[in-house]
């Protein structure tokens, strides 16, 4: 089976490519320097040249706050480009795996969101990813939609790397303590995505590391695992306003993973420990 990985230079795409390489599978990784995924003709040319049998679509616009001022660009990447890729898959008979987000939900309550719960994004980024989901569903039946949250990995920027930097610079760091969810270590997620892409178990899944924490608890764990002395000062979302609204509850149920026979990811604290022991860099 031939695979195509978009966003191959990014945080998740790079780990997916490494996992495909480790398994000895045939793949091509493409990123922004290879072609413009918002150009339908360029997408079509890539498919004509490579003829993938499965696409892992990891490329995305992820600047959540900036998206409020760059809505057109955000939707061009997360919605229109996803539609181009889904249509190319439909035309060629390829299956597709699309990465989505906890931000498709409104973040109310304290329960775990099931895959079929009512959506209701609070920001442009979340809406663009939900529209991407709709585009995939409209074009394909042989597809996987995988929602993740709080991703961190060795490539690119993320919350853990920011905390490591601030922890080395400051004595105290204020972090919100009223948003709860589950971190997702991309090195743990990549094998699961490859397992899915090799299967015929199509559908919508939530995939994060096990366990739940607040951002403040996550930050405190980073300090502990890295041996940094910085204190974490819990604060509220209201006291720390951002350009884009964030969901307070990002708990995602992984029941569909279990029902489909896929292995759940290790606990987030175990993942964080391995990340920090590895130096936290690409």
Protein backbone atom coordinates (compact mmCIF):
# COMPACT_ATOMS: atom_id res chain seq x y z
CA UNK A 1 0.00 0.00 0.00
CA UNK A 2 1.27 3.46 -0.93
CA UNK A 3 0.73 6.27 1.57
CA UNK A 4 0.67 10.04 1.20
CA UNK A 5 1.30 12.14 4.32
CA UNK A 6 0.48 15.85 4.21
CA UNK A 7 2.10 18.21 6.68
CA UNK A 8 5.10 15.88 6.73
CA UNK A 9 7.42 18.49 8.24
CA UNK A 10 5.02 19.31 11.06
CA UNK A 11 4.65 18.06 14.59
CA UNK A 12 2.40 15.09 13.84
CA UNK A 13 3.22 14.50 10.18
CA UNK A 14 6.91 14.02 10.93
CA UNK A 15 6.11 11.34 13.52
CA UNK A 16 3.71 9.62 11.12
CA UNK A 17 6.43 9.53 8.47
CA UNK A 18 8.90 8.07 10.97
CA UNK A 19 6.38 5.37 11.92
CA UNK A 20 5.71 4.46 8.29
CA UNK A 21 9.47 4.31 7.73
CA UNK A 22 9.90 2.10 10.81
CA UNK A 23 7.31 -0.32 9.43
CA UNK A 24 8.96 -0.44 6.02
CA UNK A 25 5.87 0.95 4.30
CA UNK A 26 5.97 2.92 1.05
CA UNK A 27 5.08 6.57 1.55
CA UNK A 28 5.60 10.11 0.32
CA UNK A 29 5.63 12.98 2.77
CA UNK A 30 4.69 16.40 1.40
CA UNK A 31 4.60 19.83 2.97
CA UNK A 32 4.04 23.45 2.03
CA UNK A 33 7.28 23.63 0.01
CA UNK A 34 6.20 20.74 -2.22
CA UNK A 35 2.85 22.08 -3.43
CA UNK A 36 -0.08 24.23 -2.35
CA UNK A 37 -2.83 22.02 -0.92
CA UNK A 38 -5.32 24.88 -1.29
CA UNK A 39 -4.89 24.56 -5.09
CA UNK A 40 -7.14 21.78 -6.38
CA UNK A 41 -5.08 21.39 -9.55
CA UNK A 42 -1.87 20.97 -7.54
CA UNK A 43 -3.54 18.34 -5.36
CA UNK A 44 -4.73 16.51 -8.45
CA UNK A 45 -1.24 16.59 -9.96
CA UNK A 46 0.25 15.09 -6.80
CA UNK A 47 -2.29 12.25 -6.86
CA UNK A 48 -1.67 11.64 -10.56
CA UNK A 49 2.07 11.45 -9.93
CA UNK A 50 2.12 9.38 -6.74
CA UNK A 51 -1.19 7.47 -6.91
CA UNK A 52 -1.57 6.95 -3.16
CA UNK A 53 -3.85 4.25 -1.81
CA UNK A 54 -4.19 5.93 1.60
CA UNK A 55 -3.78 9.56 2.66
CA UNK A 56 -2.99 10.69 6.19
CA UNK A 57 -3.95 14.35 6.11
CA UNK A 58 -1.93 15.95 8.91
CA UNK A 59 -1.49 19.40 7.35
CA UNK A 60 -3.51 22.13 9.03
CA UNK A 61 -3.70 25.79 9.96
CA UNK A 62 -3.33 25.66 13.76
CA UNK A 63 -2.72 29.27 14.86
CA UNK A 64 -5.93 29.40 16.91
CA UNK A 65 -5.79 33.05 17.96
CA UNK A 66 -4.47 34.38 14.65
CA UNK A 67 -7.27 32.54 12.85
CA UNK A 68 -9.75 35.05 14.27
CA UNK A 69 -8.12 37.66 12.02
CA UNK A 70 -7.18 35.27 9.18
CA UNK A 71 -10.45 33.42 8.79
CA UNK A 72 -10.17 33.13 5.01
CA UNK A 73 -6.68 31.65 5.16
CA UNK A 74 -7.66 29.31 7.98
CA UNK A 75 -10.65 28.01 6.03
CA UNK A 76 -8.63 27.75 2.82
CA UNK A 77 -6.24 25.32 4.55
CA UNK A 78 -8.53 23.48 6.96
CA UNK A 79 -11.70 23.34 4.88
CA UNK A 80 -11.09 23.93 1.17
CA UNK A 81 -7.80 22.02 0.98
CA UNK A 82 -9.33 19.14 2.92
CA UNK A 83 -12.18 19.05 0.39
CA UNK A 84 -9.66 18.99 -2.50
CA UNK A 85 -7.82 16.06 -0.93
CA UNK A 86 -11.02 14.17 -0.08
CA UNK A 87 -12.29 14.63 -3.65
CA UNK A 88 -8.97 13.42 -5.06
CA UNK A 89 -9.22 10.37 -2.81
CA UNK A 90 -12.77 9.72 -3.99
CA UNK A 91 -11.73 10.01 -7.64
CA UNK A 92 -8.76 7.68 -7.22
CA UNK A 93 -10.27 5.17 -4.80
CA UNK A 94 -7.89 6.02 -1.96
CA UNK A 95 -8.90 5.95 1.68
CA UNK A 96 -8.36 9.06 3.83
CA UNK A 97 -7.55 9.80 7.46
CA UNK A 98 -8.32 13.35 8.56
CA UNK A 99 -7.04 14.87 11.79
CA UNK A 100 -9.57 17.01 13.63
CA UNK A 101 -9.77 18.57 17.07
CA UNK A 102 -11.54 18.82 20.42
CA UNK A 103 -12.32 22.41 19.40
CA UNK A 104 -15.29 21.20 17.35
CA UNK A 105 -17.14 20.93 20.69
CA UNK A 106 -18.45 23.83 22.82
CA UNK A 107 -16.64 22.62 25.94
CA UNK A 108 -19.59 22.68 28.31
CA UNK A 109 -20.10 20.40 31.32
CA UNK A 110 -17.57 18.01 32.81
CA UNK A 111 -18.39 14.78 30.99
CA UNK A 112 -16.47 13.08 28.22
CA UNK A 113 -17.59 14.00 24.70
CA UNK A 114 -18.62 11.00 22.60
CA UNK A 115 -17.85 11.03 18.89
CA UNK A 116 -21.50 11.63 17.98
CA UNK A 117 -22.23 14.34 20.56
CA UNK A 118 -23.53 17.71 19.43
CA UNK A 119 -20.75 19.92 18.08
CA UNK A 120 -20.56 23.69 18.55
CA UNK A 121 -17.17 25.32 17.95
CA UNK A 122 -16.34 28.50 19.88
CA UNK A 123 -13.80 29.91 17.42
CA UNK A 124 -12.84 30.15 13.74
CA UNK A 125 -10.26 27.38 13.99
CA UNK A 126 -12.79 24.94 15.45
CA UNK A 127 -15.38 25.84 12.84
CA UNK A 128 -12.86 25.37 10.01
CA UNK A 129 -11.94 21.90 11.27
CA UNK A 130 -15.59 20.92 11.65
CA UNK A 131 -16.20 22.10 8.09
CA UNK A 132 -13.25 19.94 7.08
CA UNK A 133 -14.92 16.96 8.72
CA UNK A 134 -18.10 17.67 6.76
CA UNK A 135 -16.14 17.91 3.52
CA UNK A 136 -14.52 14.51 4.11
CA UNK A 137 -17.86 12.89 4.92
CA UNK A 138 -19.49 14.43 1.85
CA UNK A 139 -16.83 13.09 -0.51
CA UNK A 140 -15.90 9.73 1.01
CA UNK A 141 -17.24 6.67 2.78
CA UNK A 142 -13.80 5.10 3.20
CA UNK A 143 -12.51 7.62 5.70
CA UNK A 144 -11.34 8.06 9.26
CA UNK A 145 -11.89 11.26 11.23
CA UNK A 146 -9.65 11.41 14.29
CA UNK A 147 -10.10 14.16 16.86
CA UNK A 148 -7.16 14.92 19.12
CA UNK A 149 -6.37 17.56 21.75
CA UNK A 150 -3.42 19.34 23.35
CA UNK A 151 -0.86 17.86 20.96
CA UNK A 152 2.85 17.92 21.73
CA UNK A 153 5.82 16.37 19.96
CA UNK A 154 9.46 16.90 19.12
CA UNK A 155 8.89 18.88 15.93
CA UNK A 156 7.67 22.47 15.99
CA UNK A 157 6.23 24.52 18.83
CA UNK A 158 3.83 23.35 21.52
CA UNK A 159 2.74 23.95 25.12
CA UNK A 160 5.35 21.62 26.63
CA UNK A 161 8.22 23.33 24.85
CA UNK A 162 6.87 26.72 25.88
CA UNK A 163 6.70 25.63 29.52
CA UNK A 164 10.24 24.24 29.35
CA UNK A 165 11.48 27.58 28.03
CA UNK A 166 9.54 29.68 30.54
CA UNK A 167 10.50 27.34 33.38
CA UNK A 168 14.15 28.04 32.67
CA UNK A 169 13.55 31.82 32.56
CA UNK A 170 11.05 32.56 35.33
CA UNK A 171 10.39 31.78 38.96
CA UNK A 172 6.60 31.75 38.52
CA UNK A 173 4.32 31.05 35.55
CA UNK A 174 0.57 31.73 35.47
CA UNK A 175 -1.42 28.98 33.74
CA UNK A 176 -5.19 28.51 33.45
CA UNK A 177 -6.65 25.90 35.79
CA UNK A 178 -10.28 25.84 34.64
CA UNK A 179 -9.74 24.18 31.24
CA UNK A 180 -9.50 20.39 31.41
CA UNK A 181 -8.56 17.84 28.77
CA UNK A 182 -6.02 15.24 27.75
CA UNK A 183 -2.59 15.84 26.17
CA UNK A 184 -1.70 13.90 23.03
CA UNK A 185 1.93 12.90 22.42
CA UNK A 186 2.35 12.69 18.65
CA UNK A 187 4.95 9.91 18.93
CA UNK A 188 2.27 7.78 20.64
CA UNK A 189 -0.48 8.84 18.24
CA UNK A 190 1.43 8.07 15.03
CA UNK A 191 1.39 4.24 15.42
CA UNK A 192 -2.35 4.30 16.09
CA UNK A 193 -2.99 6.38 12.97
CA UNK A 194 -0.94 3.94 10.89
CA UNK A 195 -2.89 1.01 12.36
CA UNK A 196 -6.12 2.74 11.38
CA UNK A 197 -4.97 3.56 7.86
CA UNK A 198 -4.03 -0.08 7.31
CA UNK A 199 -7.50 -1.19 8.43
CA UNK A 200 -11.01 -0.93 7.04
CA UNK A 201 -12.50 0.24 10.36
CA UNK A 202 -13.78 3.56 9.07
CA UNK A 203 -15.48 6.10 11.28
CA UNK A 204 -15.00 8.92 13.77
CA UNK A 205 -12.58 8.43 16.65
CA UNK A 206 -11.16 10.38 19.56
CA UNK A 207 -7.50 9.66 20.22
CA UNK A 208 -5.55 11.23 23.08
CA UNK A 209 -3.27 9.91 25.76
CA UNK A 210 -5.15 8.49 28.73
CA UNK A 211 -5.89 10.58 31.82
CA UNK A 212 -7.24 14.10 32.31
CA UNK A 213 -5.61 17.25 33.66
CA UNK A 214 -5.93 21.01 33.58
CA UNK A 215 -3.40 23.15 31.75
CA UNK A 216 -1.99 24.21 35.14
CA UNK A 217 -1.60 20.57 36.21
CA UNK A 218 0.03 19.79 32.88
CA UNK A 219 2.46 22.69 33.34
CA UNK A 220 3.31 21.60 36.90
CA UNK A 221 4.05 18.10 35.61
CA UNK A 222 6.38 19.56 32.98
CA UNK A 223 8.33 21.38 35.69
CA UNK A 224 8.54 18.21 37.77
CA UNK A 225 9.61 15.93 34.92
CA UNK A 226 12.20 18.44 33.68
CA UNK A 227 13.50 19.21 37.18
CA UNK A 228 12.78 22.92 36.84
CA UNK A 229 12.11 25.03 39.97
CA UNK A 230 9.51 27.40 38.48
CA UNK A 231 6.22 27.57 40.39
CA UNK A 232 2.93 27.24 38.51
CA UNK A 233 0.35 29.81 39.60
CA UNK A 234 -3.19 28.63 38.71
CA UNK A 235 -5.37 31.28 37.10
CA UNK A 236 -8.73 31.43 35.34
CA UNK A 237 -9.68 31.71 31.70
CA UNK A 238 -11.48 34.97 32.51
CA UNK A 239 -8.28 36.41 34.01
CA UNK A 240 -6.23 35.33 30.98
CA UNK A 241 -8.22 36.44 27.90
CA UNK A 242 -7.15 35.26 24.46
CA UNK A 243 -8.19 36.36 20.98
CA UNK A 244 -10.06 33.09 20.40
CA UNK A 245 -12.41 31.54 22.95
CA UNK A 246 -11.31 28.15 24.30
CA UNK A 247 -13.52 25.28 25.49
CA UNK A 248 -13.39 24.71 29.25
CA UNK A 249 -14.05 21.00 28.81
CA UNK A 250 -11.97 19.09 26.26
CA UNK A 251 -12.50 15.62 27.71
CA UNK A 252 -12.89 13.16 24.82
CA UNK A 253 -14.29 9.66 25.15
CA UNK A 254 -12.17 6.97 23.52
CA UNK A 255 -14.94 4.36 23.62
CA UNK A 256 -14.94 4.04 19.84
CA UNK A 257 -11.26 3.05 19.89
CA UNK A 258 -12.05 0.20 22.25
CA UNK A 259 -15.11 -0.89 20.27
CA UNK A 260 -13.04 -1.04 17.08
CA UNK A 261 -10.28 -3.05 18.74
CA UNK A 262 -7.62 -0.34 18.63
CA UNK A 263 -5.20 0.05 21.52
CA UNK A 264 -5.54 3.19 23.62
CA UNK A 265 -2.52 5.42 24.11
CA UNK A 266 -0.45 5.39 27.32
CA UNK A 267 -1.19 7.81 30.16
CA UNK A 268 -0.25 11.42 29.39
CA UNK A 269 2.16 11.56 32.35
CA UNK A 270 4.06 8.57 31.01
CA UNK A 271 4.18 10.23 27.59
CA UNK A 272 5.44 13.49 29.10
CA UNK A 273 8.15 11.65 31.01
CA UNK A 274 9.42 9.99 27.85
CA UNK A 275 9.32 13.30 25.99
CA UNK A 276 11.35 15.09 28.67
CA UNK A 277 13.83 12.22 28.99
CA UNK A 278 14.42 12.50 25.26
CA UNK A 279 15.40 16.14 25.60
CA UNK A 280 12.15 17.58 24.29
CA UNK A 281 13.57 18.53 20.90
CA UNK A 282 13.51 17.16 17.39
